[in-house]
N, C-alpha and C. Protein backbone atom coordinates (compact mmCIF):
# COMPACT_ATOMS: atom_id res chain seq x y z
N MET A 1 -1.56 -21.73 5.58
CA MET A 1 -0.90 -20.45 5.39
C MET A 1 -0.02 -20.11 6.59
N LYS A 2 -0.51 -20.44 7.80
CA LYS A 2 0.28 -20.15 8.99
C LYS A 2 1.58 -20.95 8.99
N LEU A 3 1.51 -22.19 8.54
CA LEU A 3 2.69 -23.04 8.46
C LEU A 3 3.73 -22.45 7.51
N ILE A 4 3.26 -21.92 6.39
CA ILE A 4 4.17 -21.31 5.41
C ILE A 4 4.87 -20.11 6.02
N SER A 5 4.11 -19.27 6.72
CA SER A 5 4.72 -18.07 7.31
C SER A 5 5.72 -18.42 8.40
N ILE A 6 5.53 -19.53 9.08
CA ILE A 6 6.49 -19.95 10.11
C ILE A 6 7.76 -20.51 9.48
N ILE A 7 7.64 -21.13 8.33
CA ILE A 7 8.77 -21.81 7.70
C ILE A 7 9.61 -20.90 6.80
N VAL A 8 9.02 -19.85 6.25
CA VAL A 8 9.70 -19.05 5.22
C VAL A 8 11.00 -18.42 5.73
N ILE A 9 11.00 -17.78 6.88
CA ILE A 9 12.21 -17.09 7.35
C ILE A 9 13.34 -18.07 7.64
N PRO A 10 13.10 -19.16 8.38
CA PRO A 10 14.22 -20.11 8.57
C PRO A 10 14.73 -20.69 7.25
N LEU A 11 13.84 -20.95 6.30
CA LEU A 11 14.29 -21.45 5.00
C LEU A 11 15.14 -20.42 4.27
N PHE A 12 14.75 -19.16 4.36
CA PHE A 12 15.52 -18.10 3.71
C PHE A 12 16.91 -18.00 4.33
N VAL A 13 16.99 -18.03 5.65
CA VAL A 13 18.29 -17.97 6.33
C VAL A 13 19.14 -19.18 5.94
N PHE A 14 18.53 -20.34 5.93
CA PHE A 14 19.25 -21.55 5.53
C PHE A 14 19.75 -21.44 4.09
N PHE A 15 18.93 -20.89 3.19
CA PHE A 15 19.33 -20.69 1.79
C PHE A 15 20.51 -19.73 1.69
N VAL A 16 20.48 -18.63 2.45
CA VAL A 16 21.58 -17.65 2.41
C VAL A 16 22.87 -18.30 2.90
N ILE A 17 22.78 -19.09 3.95
CA ILE A 17 23.98 -19.76 4.48
C ILE A 17 24.54 -20.75 3.44
N LEU A 18 23.68 -21.54 2.84
CA LEU A 18 24.15 -22.50 1.82
C LEU A 18 24.73 -21.79 0.61
N TYR A 19 24.08 -20.72 0.16
CA TYR A 19 24.58 -19.98 -1.00
C TYR A 19 25.93 -19.34 -0.68
N GLY A 20 26.05 -18.74 0.51
CA GLY A 20 27.32 -18.13 0.90
C GLY A 20 28.43 -19.14 1.00
N ASN A 21 28.13 -20.30 1.53
CA ASN A 21 29.15 -21.36 1.60
C ASN A 21 29.54 -21.87 0.22
N SER A 22 28.58 -21.95 -0.68
CA SER A 22 28.90 -22.42 -2.03
C SER A 22 29.78 -21.42 -2.78
N LYS A 23 29.66 -20.14 -2.46
CA LYS A 23 30.49 -19.10 -3.10
C LYS A 23 31.76 -18.81 -2.30
N LYS A 24 32.00 -19.58 -1.24
CA LYS A 24 33.20 -19.44 -0.39
C LYS A 24 33.29 -18.05 0.25
N ILE A 25 32.15 -17.57 0.78
CA ILE A 25 32.08 -16.27 1.44
C ILE A 25 32.03 -16.50 2.95
N ASN A 26 32.79 -15.71 3.71
CA ASN A 26 32.72 -15.78 5.16
C ASN A 26 31.43 -15.08 5.59
N ILE A 27 30.41 -15.86 5.88
CA ILE A 27 29.07 -15.32 6.14
C ILE A 27 29.04 -14.50 7.41
N TYR A 28 29.72 -14.96 8.45
CA TYR A 28 29.68 -14.24 9.73
C TYR A 28 30.33 -12.87 9.61
N ASP A 29 31.47 -12.77 8.93
CA ASP A 29 32.11 -11.47 8.74
C ASP A 29 31.25 -10.54 7.88
N SER A 30 30.61 -11.10 6.87
CA SER A 30 29.71 -10.29 6.04
C SER A 30 28.53 -9.78 6.85
N PHE A 31 28.01 -10.63 7.72
CA PHE A 31 26.91 -10.23 8.60
C PHE A 31 27.34 -9.10 9.52
N LEU A 32 28.52 -9.22 10.14
CA LEU A 32 29.01 -8.17 11.04
C LEU A 32 29.26 -6.86 10.30
N THR A 33 29.77 -6.94 9.08
CA THR A 33 29.98 -5.73 8.28
C THR A 33 28.64 -5.04 8.00
N GLY A 34 27.63 -5.83 7.67
CA GLY A 34 26.29 -5.27 7.43
C GLY A 34 25.71 -4.62 8.67
N VAL A 35 25.91 -5.24 9.82
CA VAL A 35 25.42 -4.67 11.07
C VAL A 35 26.13 -3.35 11.37
N LYS A 36 27.45 -3.31 11.18
CA LYS A 36 28.20 -2.08 11.42
C LYS A 36 27.73 -0.96 10.49
N ASP A 37 27.50 -1.27 9.21
CA ASP A 37 27.01 -0.27 8.27
C ASP A 37 25.61 0.21 8.66
N GLY A 38 24.78 -0.71 9.10
CA GLY A 38 23.43 -0.34 9.53
C GLY A 38 23.45 0.57 10.75
N LEU A 39 24.34 0.30 11.69
CA LEU A 39 24.46 1.16 12.87
C LEU A 39 24.98 2.54 12.51
N LYS A 40 25.87 2.62 11.52
CA LYS A 40 26.36 3.92 11.07
C LYS A 40 25.21 4.74 10.46
N ILE A 41 24.38 4.09 9.69
CA ILE A 41 23.22 4.78 9.09
C ILE A 41 22.28 5.26 10.19
N CYS A 42 22.01 4.41 11.17
CA CYS A 42 21.15 4.82 12.30
C CYS A 42 21.74 6.01 13.04
N TYR A 43 23.05 5.98 13.24
CA TYR A 43 23.73 7.09 13.92
C TYR A 43 23.60 8.38 13.12
N ASN A 44 23.68 8.29 11.80
CA ASN A 44 23.59 9.49 10.96
C ASN A 44 22.18 10.07 10.89
N ILE A 45 21.16 9.23 10.89
CA ILE A 45 19.80 9.76 10.73
C ILE A 45 19.09 10.02 12.06
N PHE A 46 19.65 9.57 13.19
CA PHE A 46 18.98 9.74 14.47
C PHE A 46 18.72 11.21 14.82
N PRO A 47 19.67 12.13 14.65
CA PRO A 47 19.37 13.53 14.99
C PRO A 47 18.21 14.11 14.19
N ALA A 48 18.11 13.77 12.92
CA ALA A 48 17.01 14.28 12.10
C ALA A 48 15.67 13.72 12.58
N ILE A 49 15.64 12.45 12.93
CA ILE A 49 14.40 11.85 13.42
C ILE A 49 14.02 12.44 14.77
N LEU A 50 14.99 12.63 15.66
CA LEU A 50 14.71 13.21 16.97
C LEU A 50 14.17 14.63 16.83
N ALA A 51 14.77 15.44 15.96
CA ALA A 51 14.28 16.79 15.75
C ALA A 51 12.86 16.78 15.18
N MET A 52 12.58 15.86 14.28
CA MET A 52 11.25 15.76 13.70
C MET A 52 10.22 15.37 14.75
N ILE A 53 10.54 14.43 15.59
CA ILE A 53 9.61 14.01 16.65
C ILE A 53 9.35 15.15 17.62
N PHE A 54 10.39 15.88 17.97
CA PHE A 54 10.23 17.03 18.87
C PHE A 54 9.33 18.09 18.25
N ALA A 55 9.55 18.42 17.00
CA ALA A 55 8.75 19.44 16.32
C ALA A 55 7.29 19.01 16.19
N VAL A 56 7.05 17.76 15.87
CA VAL A 56 5.68 17.27 15.73
C VAL A 56 4.95 17.32 17.07
N ASN A 57 5.61 16.88 18.14
CA ASN A 57 4.98 16.92 19.46
C ASN A 57 4.72 18.35 19.91
N LEU A 58 5.63 19.25 19.61
CA LEU A 58 5.42 20.66 19.95
C LEU A 58 4.22 21.22 19.20
N PHE A 59 4.10 20.86 17.94
CA PHE A 59 2.97 21.34 17.15
C PHE A 59 1.65 20.75 17.62
N LEU A 60 1.64 19.46 17.94
CA LEU A 60 0.40 18.81 18.38
C LEU A 60 -0.11 19.36 19.70
N ASN A 61 0.79 19.80 20.56
CA ASN A 61 0.38 20.33 21.86
C ASN A 61 0.05 21.81 21.81
N SER A 62 0.13 22.42 20.66
CA SER A 62 -0.18 23.84 20.49
C SER A 62 -1.41 23.99 19.60
N ASP A 63 -2.38 24.77 20.03
CA ASP A 63 -3.60 24.99 19.25
C ASP A 63 -3.62 26.37 18.61
N VAL A 64 -2.50 27.05 18.56
CA VAL A 64 -2.45 28.41 18.04
C VAL A 64 -2.85 28.47 16.57
N LEU A 65 -2.32 27.56 15.77
CA LEU A 65 -2.61 27.58 14.33
C LEU A 65 -4.08 27.30 14.06
N SER A 66 -4.65 26.35 14.78
CA SER A 66 -6.08 26.06 14.61
C SER A 66 -6.93 27.26 14.98
N PHE A 67 -6.52 27.99 16.00
CA PHE A 67 -7.27 29.17 16.43
C PHE A 67 -7.18 30.28 15.39
N ILE A 68 -6.01 30.44 14.79
CA ILE A 68 -5.82 31.50 13.79
C ILE A 68 -6.59 31.19 12.51
N LEU A 69 -6.57 29.93 12.09
CA LEU A 69 -7.20 29.56 10.82
C LEU A 69 -8.67 29.16 10.94
N ALA A 70 -9.24 29.21 12.13
CA ALA A 70 -10.64 28.80 12.32
C ALA A 70 -11.62 29.57 11.45
N PRO A 71 -11.51 30.91 11.30
CA PRO A 71 -12.47 31.60 10.43
C PRO A 71 -12.38 31.18 8.97
N VAL A 72 -11.18 30.93 8.48
CA VAL A 72 -11.01 30.51 7.09
C VAL A 72 -11.60 29.12 6.89
N ILE A 73 -11.41 28.25 7.86
CA ILE A 73 -11.93 26.89 7.76
C ILE A 73 -13.46 26.90 7.73
N LYS A 74 -14.06 27.72 8.56
CA LYS A 74 -15.52 27.81 8.57
C LYS A 74 -16.04 28.40 7.26
N LEU A 75 -15.31 29.33 6.69
CA LEU A 75 -15.73 29.97 5.45
C LEU A 75 -15.77 28.99 4.29
N ILE A 76 -14.78 28.11 4.18
CA ILE A 76 -14.75 27.16 3.07
C ILE A 76 -15.33 25.80 3.44
N ASP A 77 -15.92 25.70 4.62
CA ASP A 77 -16.67 24.53 5.05
C ASP A 77 -15.82 23.25 5.09
N ILE A 78 -14.72 23.34 5.82
CA ILE A 78 -13.84 22.19 6.04
C ILE A 78 -13.92 21.83 7.51
N PRO A 79 -14.06 20.55 7.85
CA PRO A 79 -14.08 20.18 9.27
C PRO A 79 -12.80 20.61 9.98
N ALA A 80 -12.94 21.22 11.13
CA ALA A 80 -11.78 21.77 11.86
C ALA A 80 -10.80 20.69 12.30
N GLN A 81 -11.28 19.50 12.54
CA GLN A 81 -10.40 18.44 13.01
C GLN A 81 -9.44 17.94 11.93
N ILE A 82 -9.68 18.31 10.68
CA ILE A 82 -8.81 17.90 9.57
C ILE A 82 -7.56 18.78 9.47
N LEU A 83 -7.65 20.02 9.93
CA LEU A 83 -6.55 20.97 9.78
C LEU A 83 -5.22 20.46 10.36
N PRO A 84 -5.18 19.96 11.60
CA PRO A 84 -3.88 19.46 12.08
C PRO A 84 -3.33 18.32 11.23
N MET A 85 -4.22 17.48 10.73
CA MET A 85 -3.76 16.37 9.89
C MET A 85 -3.20 16.89 8.57
N ALA A 86 -3.87 17.86 7.97
CA ALA A 86 -3.41 18.42 6.70
C ALA A 86 -2.05 19.09 6.85
N ILE A 87 -1.83 19.73 7.98
CA ILE A 87 -0.56 20.43 8.20
C ILE A 87 0.55 19.44 8.57
N LEU A 88 0.21 18.43 9.36
CA LEU A 88 1.24 17.49 9.82
C LEU A 88 1.57 16.40 8.80
N ARG A 89 0.72 16.18 7.84
CA ARG A 89 0.96 15.10 6.87
C ARG A 89 2.30 15.25 6.14
N PRO A 90 2.69 16.44 5.67
CA PRO A 90 4.02 16.54 5.02
C PRO A 90 5.18 16.34 5.99
N ILE A 91 4.91 16.46 7.29
CA ILE A 91 5.99 16.35 8.28
C ILE A 91 6.14 14.93 8.80
N SER A 92 5.02 14.31 9.17
CA SER A 92 5.09 13.01 9.82
C SER A 92 3.88 12.15 9.46
N GLY A 93 4.14 11.02 8.87
CA GLY A 93 3.08 10.10 8.52
C GLY A 93 2.45 9.47 9.75
N THR A 94 3.26 9.19 10.76
CA THR A 94 2.74 8.58 11.98
C THR A 94 1.83 9.54 12.73
N ALA A 95 2.21 10.80 12.82
CA ALA A 95 1.37 11.78 13.51
C ALA A 95 0.05 11.97 12.77
N SER A 96 0.10 12.05 11.45
CA SER A 96 -1.14 12.22 10.70
C SER A 96 -2.01 10.97 10.78
N MET A 97 -1.39 9.81 10.83
CA MET A 97 -2.15 8.57 10.97
C MET A 97 -2.83 8.50 12.34
N SER A 98 -2.15 8.98 13.38
CA SER A 98 -2.78 8.97 14.70
C SER A 98 -3.93 9.97 14.76
N ILE A 99 -3.80 11.10 14.08
CA ILE A 99 -4.91 12.05 14.02
C ILE A 99 -6.07 11.44 13.25
N MET A 100 -5.78 10.73 12.17
CA MET A 100 -6.84 10.08 11.41
C MET A 100 -7.54 9.00 12.24
N THR A 101 -6.78 8.25 13.00
CA THR A 101 -7.37 7.23 13.87
C THR A 101 -8.25 7.88 14.92
N ASN A 102 -7.83 9.01 15.43
CA ASN A 102 -8.64 9.75 16.40
C ASN A 102 -9.93 10.25 15.76
N ILE A 103 -9.85 10.73 14.53
CA ILE A 103 -11.05 11.16 13.80
C ILE A 103 -12.00 9.98 13.59
N PHE A 104 -11.44 8.83 13.27
CA PHE A 104 -12.27 7.63 13.11
C PHE A 104 -12.96 7.26 14.42
N ALA A 105 -12.23 7.36 15.53
CA ALA A 105 -12.80 6.98 16.82
C ALA A 105 -13.92 7.94 17.25
N ILE A 106 -13.75 9.22 16.95
CA ILE A 106 -14.75 10.21 17.39
C ILE A 106 -15.92 10.29 16.42
N TYR A 107 -15.64 10.41 15.12
CA TYR A 107 -16.70 10.67 14.13
C TYR A 107 -17.07 9.45 13.31
N GLY A 108 -16.22 8.44 13.28
CA GLY A 108 -16.48 7.24 12.49
C GLY A 108 -15.82 7.33 11.13
N PRO A 109 -15.43 6.20 10.57
CA PRO A 109 -14.76 6.21 9.26
C PRO A 109 -15.70 6.55 8.10
N ASP A 110 -17.02 6.39 8.30
CA ASP A 110 -17.97 6.70 7.23
C ASP A 110 -18.51 8.12 7.30
N SER A 111 -18.03 8.91 8.26
CA SER A 111 -18.44 10.31 8.32
C SER A 111 -17.69 11.11 7.26
N PHE A 112 -18.13 12.34 7.02
CA PHE A 112 -17.42 13.17 6.05
C PHE A 112 -15.99 13.42 6.49
N ALA A 113 -15.80 13.68 7.79
CA ALA A 113 -14.45 13.93 8.31
C ALA A 113 -13.58 12.68 8.16
N GLY A 114 -14.14 11.51 8.40
CA GLY A 114 -13.38 10.26 8.26
C GLY A 114 -12.99 9.98 6.83
N ARG A 115 -13.92 10.20 5.92
CA ARG A 115 -13.60 9.99 4.51
C ARG A 115 -12.60 11.01 4.00
N LEU A 116 -12.77 12.27 4.42
CA LEU A 116 -11.82 13.31 4.03
C LEU A 116 -10.43 12.99 4.57
N ALA A 117 -10.36 12.52 5.80
CA ALA A 117 -9.06 12.15 6.39
C ALA A 117 -8.42 11.00 5.61
N SER A 118 -9.23 10.04 5.19
CA SER A 118 -8.70 8.90 4.42
C SER A 118 -8.17 9.36 3.07
N ILE A 119 -8.92 10.23 2.40
CA ILE A 119 -8.47 10.74 1.09
C ILE A 119 -7.20 11.57 1.26
N LEU A 120 -7.17 12.39 2.30
CA LEU A 120 -6.00 13.24 2.56
C LEU A 120 -4.77 12.39 2.85
N GLN A 121 -4.94 11.30 3.56
CA GLN A 121 -3.82 10.41 3.87
C GLN A 121 -3.25 9.80 2.60
N GLY A 122 -4.11 9.53 1.62
CA GLY A 122 -3.64 8.93 0.37
C GLY A 122 -3.15 9.93 -0.66
N CYS A 123 -3.58 11.19 -0.56
CA CYS A 123 -3.23 12.19 -1.57
C CYS A 123 -1.92 12.91 -1.31
N THR A 124 -1.37 12.77 -0.12
CA THR A 124 -0.17 13.52 0.22
C THR A 124 0.94 12.58 0.68
N ASP A 125 2.12 13.14 0.85
CA ASP A 125 3.27 12.34 1.28
C ASP A 125 3.98 13.07 2.42
N THR A 126 4.88 12.39 3.08
CA THR A 126 5.64 12.97 4.18
C THR A 126 6.90 13.64 3.63
N THR A 127 6.71 14.72 2.91
CA THR A 127 7.78 15.37 2.17
C THR A 127 8.93 15.83 3.06
N ILE A 128 8.62 16.57 4.11
CA ILE A 128 9.68 17.12 4.96
C ILE A 128 10.44 15.99 5.66
N TYR A 129 9.71 14.99 6.09
CA TYR A 129 10.34 13.83 6.73
C TYR A 129 11.29 13.13 5.77
N VAL A 130 10.83 12.90 4.55
CA VAL A 130 11.66 12.20 3.57
C VAL A 130 12.91 13.02 3.24
N ILE A 131 12.75 14.32 3.06
CA ILE A 131 13.90 15.17 2.76
C ILE A 131 14.88 15.17 3.93
N ALA A 132 14.36 15.35 5.14
CA ALA A 132 15.25 15.38 6.32
C ALA A 132 15.96 14.05 6.50
N LEU A 133 15.26 12.97 6.34
CA LEU A 133 15.85 11.66 6.58
C LEU A 133 16.88 11.28 5.52
N TYR A 134 16.49 11.36 4.26
CA TYR A 134 17.38 10.88 3.20
C TYR A 134 18.51 11.86 2.91
N TYR A 135 18.23 13.13 2.90
CA TYR A 135 19.31 14.07 2.61
C TYR A 135 20.33 14.12 3.75
N SER A 136 19.87 13.99 5.00
CA SER A 136 20.84 14.00 6.10
C SER A 136 21.66 12.72 6.13
N SER A 137 21.08 11.62 5.68
CA SER A 137 21.84 10.36 5.70
C SER A 137 22.94 10.33 4.64
N ILE A 138 22.77 11.10 3.56
CA ILE A 138 23.81 11.15 2.53
C ILE A 138 24.58 12.47 2.56
N LYS A 139 24.36 13.24 3.63
CA LYS A 139 25.10 14.48 3.89
C LYS A 139 24.87 15.55 2.83
N VAL A 140 23.66 15.67 2.31
CA VAL A 140 23.33 16.74 1.38
C VAL A 140 22.77 17.89 2.20
N SER A 141 23.37 19.07 2.08
CA SER A 141 22.91 20.20 2.88
C SER A 141 22.08 21.20 2.07
N LYS A 142 22.25 21.22 0.77
CA LYS A 142 21.48 22.14 -0.07
C LYS A 142 20.40 21.34 -0.81
N ILE A 143 19.16 21.58 -0.42
CA ILE A 143 18.07 20.80 -1.01
C ILE A 143 17.50 21.46 -2.25
N ARG A 144 17.96 22.64 -2.57
CA ARG A 144 17.55 23.41 -3.75
C ARG A 144 16.04 23.50 -3.87
N TYR A 145 15.48 22.94 -4.91
CA TYR A 145 14.05 23.09 -5.17
C TYR A 145 13.22 21.92 -4.64
N THR A 146 13.87 20.96 -4.01
CA THR A 146 13.17 19.76 -3.57
C THR A 146 12.04 20.09 -2.59
N LEU A 147 12.31 20.91 -1.61
CA LEU A 147 11.31 21.24 -0.60
C LEU A 147 10.14 22.00 -1.21
N ALA A 148 10.43 22.99 -2.04
CA ALA A 148 9.36 23.79 -2.65
C ALA A 148 8.47 22.93 -3.54
N VAL A 149 9.05 22.10 -4.37
CA VAL A 149 8.26 21.26 -5.26
C VAL A 149 7.49 20.21 -4.47
N GLY A 150 8.12 19.63 -3.46
CA GLY A 150 7.44 18.64 -2.63
C GLY A 150 6.25 19.22 -1.89
N LEU A 151 6.44 20.40 -1.29
CA LEU A 151 5.34 21.04 -0.57
C LEU A 151 4.25 21.52 -1.52
N LEU A 152 4.63 21.94 -2.71
CA LEU A 152 3.63 22.31 -3.71
C LEU A 152 2.80 21.08 -4.12
N ALA A 153 3.45 19.96 -4.28
CA ALA A 153 2.72 18.72 -4.59
C ALA A 153 1.81 18.32 -3.43
N ASP A 154 2.28 18.51 -2.20
CA ASP A 154 1.42 18.22 -1.04
C ASP A 154 0.22 19.16 -0.99
N LEU A 155 0.44 20.44 -1.29
CA LEU A 155 -0.67 21.40 -1.33
C LEU A 155 -1.69 21.00 -2.39
N ALA A 156 -1.21 20.58 -3.55
CA ALA A 156 -2.12 20.11 -4.60
C ALA A 156 -2.89 18.88 -4.13
N GLY A 157 -2.21 17.99 -3.41
CA GLY A 157 -2.87 16.81 -2.87
C GLY A 157 -3.92 17.16 -1.83
N ILE A 158 -3.62 18.13 -0.97
CA ILE A 158 -4.57 18.56 0.05
C ILE A 158 -5.81 19.19 -0.61
N ILE A 159 -5.57 20.05 -1.58
CA ILE A 159 -6.69 20.69 -2.29
C ILE A 159 -7.54 19.65 -3.00
N MET A 160 -6.89 18.71 -3.68
CA MET A 160 -7.64 17.66 -4.37
C MET A 160 -8.40 16.75 -3.40
N ALA A 161 -7.84 16.52 -2.22
CA ALA A 161 -8.56 15.72 -1.22
C ALA A 161 -9.85 16.41 -0.82
N PHE A 162 -9.78 17.73 -0.60
CA PHE A 162 -10.99 18.47 -0.24
C PHE A 162 -12.00 18.48 -1.39
N VAL A 163 -11.50 18.68 -2.61
CA VAL A 163 -12.39 18.71 -3.78
C VAL A 163 -13.05 17.34 -3.98
N LEU A 164 -12.27 16.28 -3.93
CA LEU A 164 -12.81 14.94 -4.14
C LEU A 164 -13.81 14.54 -3.04
N ALA A 165 -13.48 14.90 -1.81
CA ALA A 165 -14.41 14.58 -0.71
C ALA A 165 -15.73 15.33 -0.90
N ASN A 166 -15.66 16.58 -1.33
CA ASN A 166 -16.89 17.33 -1.55
C ASN A 166 -17.68 16.83 -2.76
N ILE A 167 -17.00 16.37 -3.78
CA ILE A 167 -17.70 15.86 -4.97
C ILE A 167 -18.38 14.52 -4.67
N PHE A 168 -17.65 13.60 -4.03
CA PHE A 168 -18.16 12.26 -3.87
C PHE A 168 -18.92 12.01 -2.57
N PHE A 169 -18.71 12.87 -1.57
CA PHE A 169 -19.37 12.64 -0.29
C PHE A 169 -20.10 13.89 0.15
């Protein structure tokens, strides 16, 4: 299997070169055009990604929301360490994954908090990130109902994660 994984990429590149030559395509110019288009896309989406990273780091370093919602969390019997993950999941998949990894390291993956974090990771999506990234790359400024419907779907996913974790664990 290791031999196959070492050979596949060079064979693919060799195949592309042979196919391009058989179709009389200037492969090097096509490659440079693709690189230029890729750099333009990176240039267009970089501000949205930078703003998202800044907002996520600002949120992670602030405990104000956890302090405000602590009584509600205790009332409905949800582990407090899940709250930042539930809030950050629609914003950033990487941030929520790092919170989940931290929950695994502290409480273990077989704990209620670990299982709830796993279910929550699978039940929701990075809605705000996807909207910011894709809409900014195609220059759409009016998102209309996309954000509301996406966040409503994330809320349904968060609620179902809590319900499923309580039913099965």
